[in-house]
N, C-alpha and C. Protein backbone atom coordinates (compact mmCIF):
# COMPACT_ATOMS: atom_id res chain seq x y z
N THR A 1 -20.23 10.71 -3.20
CA THR A 1 -20.34 9.32 -3.60
C THR A 1 -19.41 8.46 -2.76
N LEU A 2 -19.54 7.16 -2.95
CA LEU A 2 -18.73 6.20 -2.19
C LEU A 2 -17.25 6.33 -2.51
N TRP A 3 -16.91 6.73 -3.75
CA TRP A 3 -15.51 6.85 -4.16
C TRP A 3 -14.75 7.85 -3.29
N TRP A 4 -15.40 8.91 -2.85
CA TRP A 4 -14.71 9.91 -2.03
C TRP A 4 -14.43 9.40 -0.62
N ILE A 5 -15.09 8.31 -0.25
CA ILE A 5 -14.80 7.69 1.05
C ILE A 5 -13.74 6.61 0.90
N VAL A 6 -13.91 5.74 -0.11
CA VAL A 6 -13.01 4.60 -0.29
C VAL A 6 -11.73 5.01 -1.03
N GLY A 7 -11.83 5.93 -1.98
CA GLY A 7 -10.69 6.33 -2.80
C GLY A 7 -9.44 6.71 -2.03
N PRO A 8 -9.54 7.62 -1.05
CA PRO A 8 -8.33 8.01 -0.31
C PRO A 8 -7.68 6.87 0.47
N LEU A 9 -8.44 5.80 0.75
CA LEU A 9 -7.86 4.66 1.46
C LEU A 9 -6.99 3.80 0.55
N GLY A 10 -7.19 3.91 -0.77
CA GLY A 10 -6.45 3.06 -1.68
C GLY A 10 -5.63 3.76 -2.74
N VAL A 11 -5.89 5.05 -2.98
CA VAL A 11 -5.20 5.76 -4.05
C VAL A 11 -4.50 6.99 -3.47
N PRO A 12 -3.16 7.05 -3.58
CA PRO A 12 -2.46 8.21 -3.04
C PRO A 12 -2.67 9.44 -3.91
N GLY A 13 -2.46 10.60 -3.31
CA GLY A 13 -2.57 11.86 -4.05
C GLY A 13 -3.40 12.87 -3.29
N LYS A 14 -3.77 13.95 -4.00
CA LYS A 14 -4.54 15.04 -3.37
C LYS A 14 -6.02 14.67 -3.39
N TRP A 15 -6.62 14.71 -2.23
CA TRP A 15 -8.04 14.42 -2.07
C TRP A 15 -8.68 15.58 -1.32
N ASP A 16 -9.53 16.31 -1.99
CA ASP A 16 -10.23 17.46 -1.41
C ASP A 16 -9.22 18.40 -0.77
N ARG A 17 -9.13 18.40 0.55
CA ARG A 17 -8.22 19.34 1.24
C ARG A 17 -7.01 18.66 1.86
N ALA A 18 -6.80 17.39 1.56
CA ALA A 18 -5.70 16.67 2.20
C ALA A 18 -4.92 15.87 1.16
N TRP A 19 -3.65 15.64 1.48
CA TRP A 19 -2.81 14.77 0.66
C TRP A 19 -2.77 13.41 1.33
N VAL A 20 -2.99 12.37 0.56
CA VAL A 20 -2.88 11.00 1.07
C VAL A 20 -1.58 10.44 0.50
N LEU A 21 -0.65 10.17 1.39
CA LEU A 21 0.64 9.64 0.95
C LEU A 21 0.78 8.16 1.28
N TYR A 22 0.12 7.71 2.31
CA TYR A 22 0.27 6.33 2.77
C TYR A 22 -1.11 5.70 2.79
N THR A 23 -1.45 4.97 1.75
CA THR A 23 -2.79 4.40 1.62
C THR A 23 -2.95 3.17 2.52
N VAL A 24 -4.12 3.01 3.08
CA VAL A 24 -4.37 1.96 4.06
C VAL A 24 -4.66 0.61 3.41
N ILE A 25 -5.54 0.60 2.41
CA ILE A 25 -6.04 -0.67 1.88
C ILE A 25 -4.92 -1.58 1.33
N PRO A 26 -4.02 -1.09 0.45
CA PRO A 26 -2.99 -2.02 -0.06
C PRO A 26 -2.07 -2.57 1.03
N TRP A 27 -1.74 -1.75 2.01
CA TRP A 27 -0.81 -2.20 3.05
C TRP A 27 -1.49 -3.07 4.08
N ALA A 28 -2.82 -2.99 4.23
CA ALA A 28 -3.52 -3.82 5.21
C ALA A 28 -3.37 -5.30 4.87
N GLY A 29 -3.43 -5.63 3.58
CA GLY A 29 -3.24 -7.02 3.17
C GLY A 29 -1.84 -7.52 3.48
N ILE A 30 -0.86 -6.66 3.31
CA ILE A 30 0.52 -7.04 3.61
C ILE A 30 0.68 -7.29 5.11
N CYS A 31 0.09 -6.42 5.92
CA CYS A 31 0.16 -6.60 7.39
C CYS A 31 -0.53 -7.90 7.80
N LEU A 32 -1.69 -8.16 7.22
CA LEU A 32 -2.42 -9.38 7.53
C LEU A 32 -1.60 -10.61 7.13
N GLY A 33 -0.96 -10.54 5.96
CA GLY A 33 -0.10 -11.65 5.54
C GLY A 33 1.04 -11.88 6.52
N GLY A 34 1.64 -10.81 7.01
CA GLY A 34 2.71 -10.94 8.01
C GLY A 34 2.22 -11.57 9.30
N LEU A 35 1.03 -11.18 9.74
CA LEU A 35 0.47 -11.79 10.95
C LEU A 35 0.19 -13.27 10.75
N LEU A 36 -0.34 -13.63 9.58
CA LEU A 36 -0.61 -15.04 9.29
C LEU A 36 0.69 -15.86 9.23
N MET A 37 1.72 -15.27 8.64
CA MET A 37 3.00 -15.99 8.58
C MET A 37 3.60 -16.15 9.98
N GLY A 38 3.44 -15.15 10.83
CA GLY A 38 3.89 -15.27 12.21
C GLY A 38 3.17 -16.38 12.95
N ARG A 39 1.89 -16.50 12.69
CA ARG A 39 1.11 -17.57 13.31
C ARG A 39 1.56 -18.94 12.79
N MET A 40 1.83 -19.02 11.47
CA MET A 40 2.35 -20.27 10.91
C MET A 40 3.65 -20.68 11.58
N LEU A 41 4.51 -19.71 11.83
CA LEU A 41 5.79 -19.98 12.47
C LEU A 41 5.59 -20.52 13.88
N GLU A 42 4.63 -19.94 14.61
CA GLU A 42 4.36 -20.41 15.98
C GLU A 42 3.82 -21.83 16.00
N VAL A 43 2.98 -22.17 15.03
CA VAL A 43 2.31 -23.47 15.02
C VAL A 43 3.26 -24.59 14.60
N ASP A 44 3.98 -24.42 13.48
CA ASP A 44 4.85 -25.48 12.97
C ASP A 44 6.03 -24.85 12.23
N ARG A 45 7.16 -24.79 12.91
CA ARG A 45 8.35 -24.11 12.36
C ARG A 45 8.83 -24.75 11.07
N GLU A 46 8.92 -26.08 11.02
CA GLU A 46 9.44 -26.76 9.83
C GLU A 46 8.52 -26.56 8.62
N LYS A 47 7.23 -26.63 8.85
CA LYS A 47 6.26 -26.41 7.77
C LYS A 47 6.35 -24.97 7.27
N PHE A 48 6.54 -24.04 8.21
CA PHE A 48 6.69 -22.63 7.85
C PHE A 48 7.93 -22.41 6.99
N LEU A 49 9.05 -23.05 7.35
CA LEU A 49 10.28 -22.88 6.58
C LEU A 49 10.17 -23.49 5.19
N ARG A 50 9.45 -24.61 5.07
CA ARG A 50 9.19 -25.18 3.74
C ARG A 50 8.33 -24.24 2.91
N PHE A 51 7.32 -23.66 3.57
CA PHE A 51 6.47 -22.67 2.90
C PHE A 51 7.30 -21.50 2.40
N CYS A 52 8.23 -21.01 3.23
CA CYS A 52 9.08 -19.87 2.84
C CYS A 52 9.91 -20.21 1.61
N LEU A 53 10.45 -21.42 1.56
CA LEU A 53 11.27 -21.81 0.42
C LEU A 53 10.43 -21.85 -0.86
N VAL A 54 9.26 -22.49 -0.79
CA VAL A 54 8.41 -22.63 -1.98
C VAL A 54 7.83 -21.28 -2.38
N ALA A 55 7.24 -20.56 -1.43
CA ALA A 55 6.61 -19.27 -1.74
C ALA A 55 7.65 -18.26 -2.20
N GLY A 56 8.83 -18.27 -1.58
CA GLY A 56 9.89 -17.36 -2.00
C GLY A 56 10.35 -17.64 -3.41
N GLY A 57 10.52 -18.91 -3.74
CA GLY A 57 10.92 -19.29 -5.09
C GLY A 57 9.88 -18.90 -6.13
N ILE A 58 8.62 -19.15 -5.82
CA ILE A 58 7.54 -18.80 -6.76
C ILE A 58 7.47 -17.28 -6.95
N SER A 59 7.58 -16.53 -5.86
CA SER A 59 7.51 -15.07 -5.94
C SER A 59 8.66 -14.48 -6.75
N ILE A 60 9.86 -14.97 -6.50
CA ILE A 60 11.02 -14.48 -7.26
C ILE A 60 10.88 -14.89 -8.73
N GLY A 61 10.41 -16.09 -8.98
CA GLY A 61 10.18 -16.53 -10.36
C GLY A 61 9.17 -15.64 -11.08
N ALA A 62 8.07 -15.31 -10.38
CA ALA A 62 7.06 -14.43 -10.97
C ALA A 62 7.64 -13.04 -11.24
N PHE A 63 8.44 -12.54 -10.30
CA PHE A 63 9.06 -11.23 -10.48
C PHE A 63 10.00 -11.22 -11.68
N LEU A 64 10.88 -12.21 -11.76
CA LEU A 64 11.84 -12.26 -12.87
C LEU A 64 11.14 -12.47 -14.22
N SER A 65 10.08 -13.29 -14.22
CA SER A 65 9.31 -13.49 -15.46
C SER A 65 8.67 -12.19 -15.92
N SER A 66 8.12 -11.45 -14.98
CA SER A 66 7.48 -10.18 -15.32
C SER A 66 8.48 -9.15 -15.81
N ILE A 67 9.65 -9.11 -15.19
CA ILE A 67 10.70 -8.19 -15.63
C ILE A 67 11.16 -8.59 -17.03
N ALA A 68 11.32 -9.89 -17.28
CA ALA A 68 11.71 -10.36 -18.62
C ALA A 68 10.65 -9.98 -19.65
N TYR A 69 9.39 -10.12 -19.29
CA TYR A 69 8.31 -9.74 -20.21
C TYR A 69 8.36 -8.24 -20.50
N ARG A 70 8.61 -7.43 -19.46
CA ARG A 70 8.75 -5.99 -19.67
C ARG A 70 9.90 -5.69 -20.63
N ALA A 71 11.01 -6.40 -20.45
CA ALA A 71 12.18 -6.16 -21.30
C ALA A 71 11.90 -6.55 -22.75
N ILE A 72 11.18 -7.64 -22.95
CA ILE A 72 10.88 -8.11 -24.31
C ILE A 72 9.91 -7.17 -25.01
N THR A 73 8.92 -6.68 -24.28
CA THR A 73 7.87 -5.87 -24.90
C THR A 73 8.18 -4.37 -24.89
N ALA A 74 9.28 -3.97 -24.26
CA ALA A 74 9.62 -2.54 -24.21
C ALA A 74 10.01 -2.04 -25.60
N PRO A 75 9.57 -0.83 -25.95
CA PRO A 75 9.92 -0.29 -27.27
C PRO A 75 11.42 -0.04 -27.42
N ALA A 76 12.09 0.30 -26.32
CA ALA A 76 13.54 0.51 -26.34
C ALA A 76 14.11 -0.10 -25.07
N LEU A 77 15.35 -0.51 -25.12
CA LEU A 77 15.98 -1.12 -23.96
C LEU A 77 16.36 -0.03 -22.96
N ASP A 78 15.44 0.25 -22.06
CA ASP A 78 15.63 1.25 -21.01
C ASP A 78 15.57 0.52 -19.67
N VAL A 79 16.74 0.23 -19.11
CA VAL A 79 16.82 -0.58 -17.88
C VAL A 79 16.06 0.07 -16.74
N ILE A 80 16.17 1.38 -16.61
CA ILE A 80 15.48 2.08 -15.52
C ILE A 80 13.96 1.91 -15.66
N ALA A 81 13.44 2.08 -16.86
CA ALA A 81 12.00 1.94 -17.08
C ALA A 81 11.54 0.51 -16.85
N ILE A 82 12.36 -0.45 -17.23
CA ILE A 82 12.00 -1.86 -17.07
C ILE A 82 11.98 -2.25 -15.59
N MET A 83 12.94 -1.77 -14.82
CA MET A 83 13.06 -2.14 -13.41
C MET A 83 12.28 -1.23 -12.47
N TYR A 84 11.63 -0.19 -13.00
CA TYR A 84 10.92 0.77 -12.15
C TYR A 84 9.75 0.08 -11.44
N LEU A 85 9.70 0.22 -10.12
CA LEU A 85 8.63 -0.37 -9.31
C LEU A 85 7.98 0.73 -8.48
N VAL A 86 6.66 0.74 -8.45
CA VAL A 86 5.92 1.74 -7.69
C VAL A 86 5.75 1.25 -6.26
N ARG A 87 6.08 2.12 -5.31
CA ARG A 87 6.01 1.73 -3.91
C ARG A 87 4.71 2.18 -3.23
N TYR A 88 4.17 3.31 -3.62
CA TYR A 88 2.95 3.84 -2.99
C TYR A 88 1.89 4.09 -4.03
N PRO A 89 0.81 3.35 -4.10
CA PRO A 89 0.55 2.08 -3.41
C PRO A 89 1.44 0.99 -3.99
N PRO A 90 1.69 -0.04 -3.23
CA PRO A 90 2.66 -1.05 -3.66
C PRO A 90 2.22 -1.79 -4.91
N GLU A 91 3.11 -1.82 -5.89
CA GLU A 91 2.88 -2.55 -7.13
C GLU A 91 3.08 -4.05 -6.86
N LEU A 92 2.35 -4.89 -7.58
CA LEU A 92 2.45 -6.33 -7.38
C LEU A 92 3.87 -6.85 -7.61
N LEU A 93 4.58 -6.28 -8.58
CA LEU A 93 5.96 -6.70 -8.81
C LEU A 93 6.85 -6.40 -7.61
N LEU A 94 6.67 -5.24 -7.02
CA LEU A 94 7.43 -4.89 -5.82
C LEU A 94 7.12 -5.87 -4.69
N LEU A 95 5.84 -6.19 -4.52
CA LEU A 95 5.45 -7.13 -3.47
C LEU A 95 6.03 -8.51 -3.73
N ALA A 96 6.00 -8.95 -4.99
CA ALA A 96 6.55 -10.27 -5.33
C ALA A 96 8.04 -10.32 -5.03
N MET A 97 8.77 -9.25 -5.38
CA MET A 97 10.20 -9.21 -5.13
C MET A 97 10.49 -9.19 -3.63
N ALA A 98 9.83 -8.30 -2.91
CA ALA A 98 10.10 -8.16 -1.47
C ALA A 98 9.69 -9.41 -0.70
N PHE A 99 8.52 -9.95 -1.03
CA PHE A 99 8.05 -11.17 -0.35
C PHE A 99 8.98 -12.34 -0.65
N GLY A 100 9.34 -12.49 -1.91
CA GLY A 100 10.22 -13.59 -2.29
C GLY A 100 11.57 -13.51 -1.61
N LEU A 101 12.18 -12.35 -1.64
CA LEU A 101 13.49 -12.19 -0.99
C LEU A 101 13.40 -12.39 0.52
N SER A 102 12.33 -11.88 1.12
CA SER A 102 12.15 -12.05 2.57
C SER A 102 11.99 -13.52 2.93
N CYS A 103 11.16 -14.23 2.18
CA CYS A 103 10.96 -15.66 2.46
C CYS A 103 12.26 -16.45 2.30
N LEU A 104 12.99 -16.18 1.23
CA LEU A 104 14.25 -16.89 1.02
C LEU A 104 15.29 -16.52 2.08
N ALA A 105 15.28 -15.26 2.52
CA ALA A 105 16.20 -14.85 3.59
C ALA A 105 15.85 -15.55 4.90
N ILE A 106 14.57 -15.66 5.21
CA ILE A 106 14.15 -16.38 6.42
C ILE A 106 14.63 -17.82 6.37
N LYS A 107 14.40 -18.47 5.24
CA LYS A 107 14.85 -19.87 5.08
C LYS A 107 16.37 -19.95 5.19
N GLY A 108 17.08 -19.04 4.53
CA GLY A 108 18.54 -19.05 4.58
C GLY A 108 19.09 -18.84 5.98
N PHE A 109 18.55 -17.84 6.69
CA PHE A 109 19.03 -17.57 8.05
C PHE A 109 18.70 -18.71 9.00
N SER A 110 17.62 -19.43 8.74
CA SER A 110 17.25 -20.55 9.61
C SER A 110 18.25 -21.70 9.50
N MET A 111 18.98 -21.79 8.40
CA MET A 111 19.95 -22.86 8.21
C MET A 111 21.31 -22.52 8.81
N LEU A 112 21.53 -21.26 9.17
CA LEU A 112 22.81 -20.85 9.75
C LEU A 112 22.84 -21.20 11.24
N PRO A 113 24.01 -21.55 11.74
CA PRO A 113 24.11 -21.76 13.19
C PRO A 113 23.96 -20.42 13.92
N ARG A 114 23.41 -20.48 15.12
CA ARG A 114 23.28 -19.23 15.90
C ARG A 114 24.66 -18.68 16.16
N SER A 115 24.81 -17.40 15.93
CA SER A 115 26.12 -16.78 16.04
C SER A 115 25.97 -15.37 16.56
N VAL A 116 27.06 -14.85 17.08
CA VAL A 116 27.08 -13.47 17.58
C VAL A 116 26.81 -12.51 16.43
N LEU A 117 27.23 -12.86 15.21
CA LEU A 117 27.04 -11.98 14.06
C LEU A 117 25.56 -11.79 13.71
N LEU A 118 24.72 -12.75 14.06
CA LEU A 118 23.30 -12.66 13.74
C LEU A 118 22.48 -12.00 14.85
N ARG A 119 23.10 -11.73 15.99
CA ARG A 119 22.35 -11.14 17.10
C ARG A 119 21.73 -9.78 16.78
N PRO A 120 22.42 -8.89 16.03
CA PRO A 120 21.76 -7.63 15.67
C PRO A 120 20.47 -7.85 14.86
N LEU A 121 20.48 -8.80 13.94
CA LEU A 121 19.27 -9.10 13.18
C LEU A 121 18.17 -9.63 14.08
N GLU A 122 18.56 -10.48 15.03
CA GLU A 122 17.58 -11.02 15.98
C GLU A 122 16.99 -9.90 16.83
N LEU A 123 17.83 -8.97 17.26
CA LEU A 123 17.34 -7.83 18.04
C LEU A 123 16.39 -6.98 17.23
N PHE A 124 16.74 -6.68 15.98
CA PHE A 124 15.84 -5.90 15.12
C PHE A 124 14.52 -6.64 14.92
N GLY A 125 14.58 -7.95 14.79
CA GLY A 125 13.35 -8.73 14.60
C GLY A 125 12.46 -8.76 15.82
N ARG A 126 13.04 -8.69 17.00
CA ARG A 126 12.24 -8.72 18.23
C ARG A 126 11.45 -7.43 18.44
N VAL A 127 11.95 -6.32 17.91
CA VAL A 127 11.27 -5.03 18.09
C VAL A 127 11.10 -4.35 16.73
N SER A 128 10.54 -5.08 15.78
CA SER A 128 10.50 -4.61 14.39
C SER A 128 9.69 -3.33 14.21
N LEU A 129 8.58 -3.17 14.90
CA LEU A 129 7.81 -1.93 14.77
C LEU A 129 8.61 -0.75 15.31
N PHE A 130 9.33 -0.97 16.39
CA PHE A 130 10.19 0.09 16.94
C PHE A 130 11.29 0.44 15.95
N VAL A 131 11.86 -0.57 15.27
CA VAL A 131 12.89 -0.33 14.26
C VAL A 131 12.32 0.54 13.14
N TYR A 132 11.13 0.17 12.67
CA TYR A 132 10.52 0.93 11.58
C TYR A 132 10.30 2.39 12.00
N THR A 133 9.70 2.58 13.16
CA THR A 133 9.40 3.93 13.63
C THR A 133 10.69 4.72 13.86
N THR A 134 11.66 4.09 14.48
CA THR A 134 12.92 4.76 14.79
C THR A 134 13.68 5.15 13.54
N HIS A 135 13.65 4.29 12.51
CA HIS A 135 14.43 4.61 11.31
C HIS A 135 13.90 5.87 10.63
N LEU A 136 12.61 6.13 10.75
CA LEU A 136 12.06 7.35 10.17
C LEU A 136 12.71 8.59 10.80
N PHE A 137 12.87 8.56 12.12
CA PHE A 137 13.44 9.70 12.82
C PHE A 137 14.96 9.78 12.65
N VAL A 138 15.64 8.64 12.76
CA VAL A 138 17.10 8.63 12.65
C VAL A 138 17.54 9.12 11.27
N TYR A 139 16.98 8.53 10.21
CA TYR A 139 17.40 8.91 8.87
C TYR A 139 16.76 10.23 8.43
N GLY A 140 15.59 10.55 8.97
CA GLY A 140 15.00 11.86 8.68
C GLY A 140 15.86 12.98 9.25
N PHE A 141 16.32 12.80 10.50
CA PHE A 141 17.21 13.79 11.12
C PHE A 141 18.52 13.89 10.35
N THR A 142 19.04 12.74 9.94
CA THR A 142 20.28 12.73 9.17
C THR A 142 20.12 13.46 7.84
N ALA A 143 18.99 13.24 7.18
CA ALA A 143 18.75 13.91 5.89
C ALA A 143 18.67 15.41 6.06
N ILE A 144 18.07 15.86 7.16
CA ILE A 144 17.99 17.30 7.42
C ILE A 144 19.39 17.87 7.64
N GLN A 145 20.24 17.13 8.35
CA GLN A 145 21.59 17.60 8.65
C GLN A 145 22.50 17.58 7.42
N VAL A 146 22.42 16.50 6.64
CA VAL A 146 23.35 16.31 5.53
C VAL A 146 22.79 16.89 4.23
N GLY A 147 21.48 16.77 4.04
CA GLY A 147 20.89 17.20 2.77
C GLY A 147 21.20 16.22 1.67
N HIS A 148 21.30 16.71 0.46
CA HIS A 148 21.58 15.85 -0.70
C HIS A 148 23.03 15.98 -1.14
N LYS A 149 23.91 16.36 -0.24
CA LYS A 149 25.30 16.61 -0.60
C LYS A 149 26.21 15.40 -0.47
N ALA A 150 25.72 14.30 0.09
CA ALA A 150 26.58 13.16 0.37
C ALA A 150 26.88 12.36 -0.88
N SER A 151 28.12 11.89 -0.98
CA SER A 151 28.49 10.98 -2.07
C SER A 151 27.99 9.58 -1.72
N LEU A 152 28.15 8.64 -2.62
CA LEU A 152 27.70 7.28 -2.37
C LEU A 152 28.42 6.67 -1.17
N GLY A 153 29.72 6.88 -1.08
CA GLY A 153 30.50 6.37 0.05
C GLY A 153 30.05 6.99 1.37
N GLN A 154 29.82 8.31 1.36
CA GLN A 154 29.35 8.98 2.56
C GLN A 154 27.95 8.49 2.94
N ALA A 155 27.10 8.30 1.94
CA ALA A 155 25.75 7.81 2.22
C ALA A 155 25.79 6.43 2.85
N LEU A 156 26.70 5.58 2.38
CA LEU A 156 26.85 4.24 2.96
C LEU A 156 27.31 4.33 4.41
N MET A 157 28.25 5.21 4.69
CA MET A 157 28.73 5.39 6.07
C MET A 157 27.62 5.93 6.97
N ILE A 158 26.82 6.85 6.45
CA ILE A 158 25.68 7.39 7.20
C ILE A 158 24.68 6.30 7.49
N TRP A 159 24.42 5.44 6.49
CA TRP A 159 23.49 4.34 6.67
C TRP A 159 23.97 3.38 7.76
N ILE A 160 25.25 3.04 7.73
CA ILE A 160 25.82 2.13 8.74
C ILE A 160 25.77 2.77 10.12
N ALA A 161 26.12 4.06 10.21
CA ALA A 161 26.06 4.77 11.50
C ALA A 161 24.62 4.78 12.01
N GLY A 162 23.65 4.99 11.11
CA GLY A 162 22.25 4.96 11.50
C GLY A 162 21.84 3.61 12.04
N LEU A 163 22.33 2.54 11.41
CA LEU A 163 22.03 1.20 11.90
C LEU A 163 22.60 0.98 13.30
N LEU A 164 23.80 1.48 13.54
CA LEU A 164 24.41 1.34 14.86
C LEU A 164 23.61 2.11 15.92
N VAL A 165 23.18 3.33 15.56
CA VAL A 165 22.35 4.11 16.49
C VAL A 165 21.05 3.37 16.78
N MET A 166 20.42 2.84 15.72
CA MET A 166 19.17 2.11 15.91
C MET A 166 19.38 0.83 16.72
N LEU A 167 20.53 0.19 16.53
CA LEU A 167 20.84 -1.01 17.31
C LEU A 167 20.89 -0.68 18.80
N LEU A 168 21.55 0.42 19.15
CA LEU A 168 21.61 0.84 20.56
C LEU A 168 20.23 1.21 21.09
N LEU A 169 19.46 1.93 20.28
CA LEU A 169 18.11 2.31 20.71
C LEU A 169 17.22 1.08 20.88
N CYS A 170 17.35 0.11 19.99
CA CYS A 170 16.55 -1.11 20.09
C CYS A 170 16.94 -1.93 21.31
N TRP A 171 18.23 -1.99 21.60
CA TRP A 171 18.70 -2.70 22.79
C TRP A 171 18.10 -2.05 24.04
N ALA A 172 18.16 -0.71 24.11
CA ALA A 172 17.60 0.00 25.27
C ALA A 172 16.08 -0.20 25.36
N TYR A 173 15.40 -0.18 24.22
CA TYR A 173 13.95 -0.37 24.19
C TYR A 173 13.59 -1.78 24.67
N LEU A 174 14.34 -2.78 24.24
CA LEU A 174 14.06 -4.14 24.67
C LEU A 174 14.28 -4.29 26.17
N LYS A 175 15.33 -3.67 26.70
CA LYS A 175 15.56 -3.68 28.15
C LYS A 175 14.40 -3.02 28.88
N LEU A 176 13.90 -1.89 28.34
CA LEU A 176 12.76 -1.20 28.94
C LEU A 176 11.52 -2.10 28.92
N LEU A 177 11.29 -2.79 27.81
CA LEU A 177 10.14 -3.70 27.72
C LEU A 177 10.23 -4.80 28.76
N LYS A 178 11.43 -5.36 28.93
CA LYS A 178 11.61 -6.41 29.93
C LYS A 178 11.35 -5.88 31.33
N LEU A 179 11.81 -4.65 31.61
CA LEU A 179 11.57 -4.04 32.91
C LEU A 179 10.08 -3.81 33.14
N VAL A 180 9.40 -3.31 32.14
CA VAL A 180 7.95 -3.06 32.26
C VAL A 180 7.21 -4.37 32.51
N ARG A 181 7.58 -5.41 31.78
CA ARG A 181 6.91 -6.71 31.98
C ARG A 181 7.16 -7.24 33.38
N ARG A 182 8.39 -7.10 33.85
CA ARG A 182 8.71 -7.59 35.19
C ARG A 182 7.95 -6.81 36.25
N LEU A 183 7.92 -5.48 36.11
CA LEU A 183 7.23 -4.64 37.10
C LEU A 183 5.72 -4.84 37.04
N SER A 184 5.17 -5.01 35.87
CA SER A 184 3.72 -5.18 35.77
C SER A 184 3.28 -6.53 36.32
N GLY A 185 4.19 -7.49 36.37
CA GLY A 185 3.86 -8.79 36.93
C GLY A 185 3.68 -8.73 38.44
N ARG A 186 4.31 -7.77 39.09
CA ARG A 186 4.18 -7.64 40.55
C ARG A 186 2.89 -6.95 40.94
N GLY A 187 2.35 -6.12 40.06
CA GLY A 187 1.06 -5.48 40.31
C GLY A 187 1.15 -4.13 40.99
N GLU A 188 1.83 -4.03 42.16
CA GLU A 188 1.79 -2.78 42.90
C GLU A 188 2.81 -1.76 42.41
N GLU A 189 3.89 -2.20 41.77
CA GLU A 189 4.92 -1.27 41.32
C GLU A 189 4.59 -0.76 39.92
N ARG A 190 4.99 0.43 39.65
CA ARG A 190 4.74 1.05 38.34
C ARG A 190 6.07 1.49 37.75
N LEU A 191 6.09 1.62 36.43
CA LEU A 191 7.29 2.06 35.73
C LEU A 191 7.69 3.47 36.15
N VAL A 192 6.68 4.32 36.44
CA VAL A 192 6.95 5.71 36.80
C VAL A 192 7.78 5.79 38.07
N THR A 193 7.57 4.87 39.01
CA THR A 193 8.29 4.93 40.28
C THR A 193 9.65 4.28 40.19
N ALA A 194 9.93 3.56 39.10
CA ALA A 194 11.21 2.85 38.98
C ALA A 194 12.33 3.81 38.67
């Protein structure tokens, strides 16, 4: 039936002979939204920042209202159960929280003067797909080495060290991208010969 074709794209779990952990359909809308917001930023920066403020406020308001409703209607006051958010596939409350915080952070960072302290964030933003891919390997390798033995303080230090490693990798990757763009503009030279 059609469900066996469409189901694995939207519902995680065991399907026939394969496990689906990362569903395509829910995340495709999020990716499309990100592309549309990027286009809005290119077209009119001020309008985009106003949109971020309004949309971020509405999203956070919806998230907090929903959490309050969960707390009021819960049979017992269980903070973990009330705040529990499903990530795969993404629950609407999780999306509202993440989208709202992201929009408000974009608006907030846009009001700050350009500073050396914000350059790491700017670098991560310029190569965001590389950051995402790299963090899987950096923290995956770290988890294999450390296991579940780290205390909260150690985990924080590992996280910061991972960010520093990713910062260096992102800097090198951006330099490589610039080199490739420069070499490809000449036509006859190739990256392999550089």
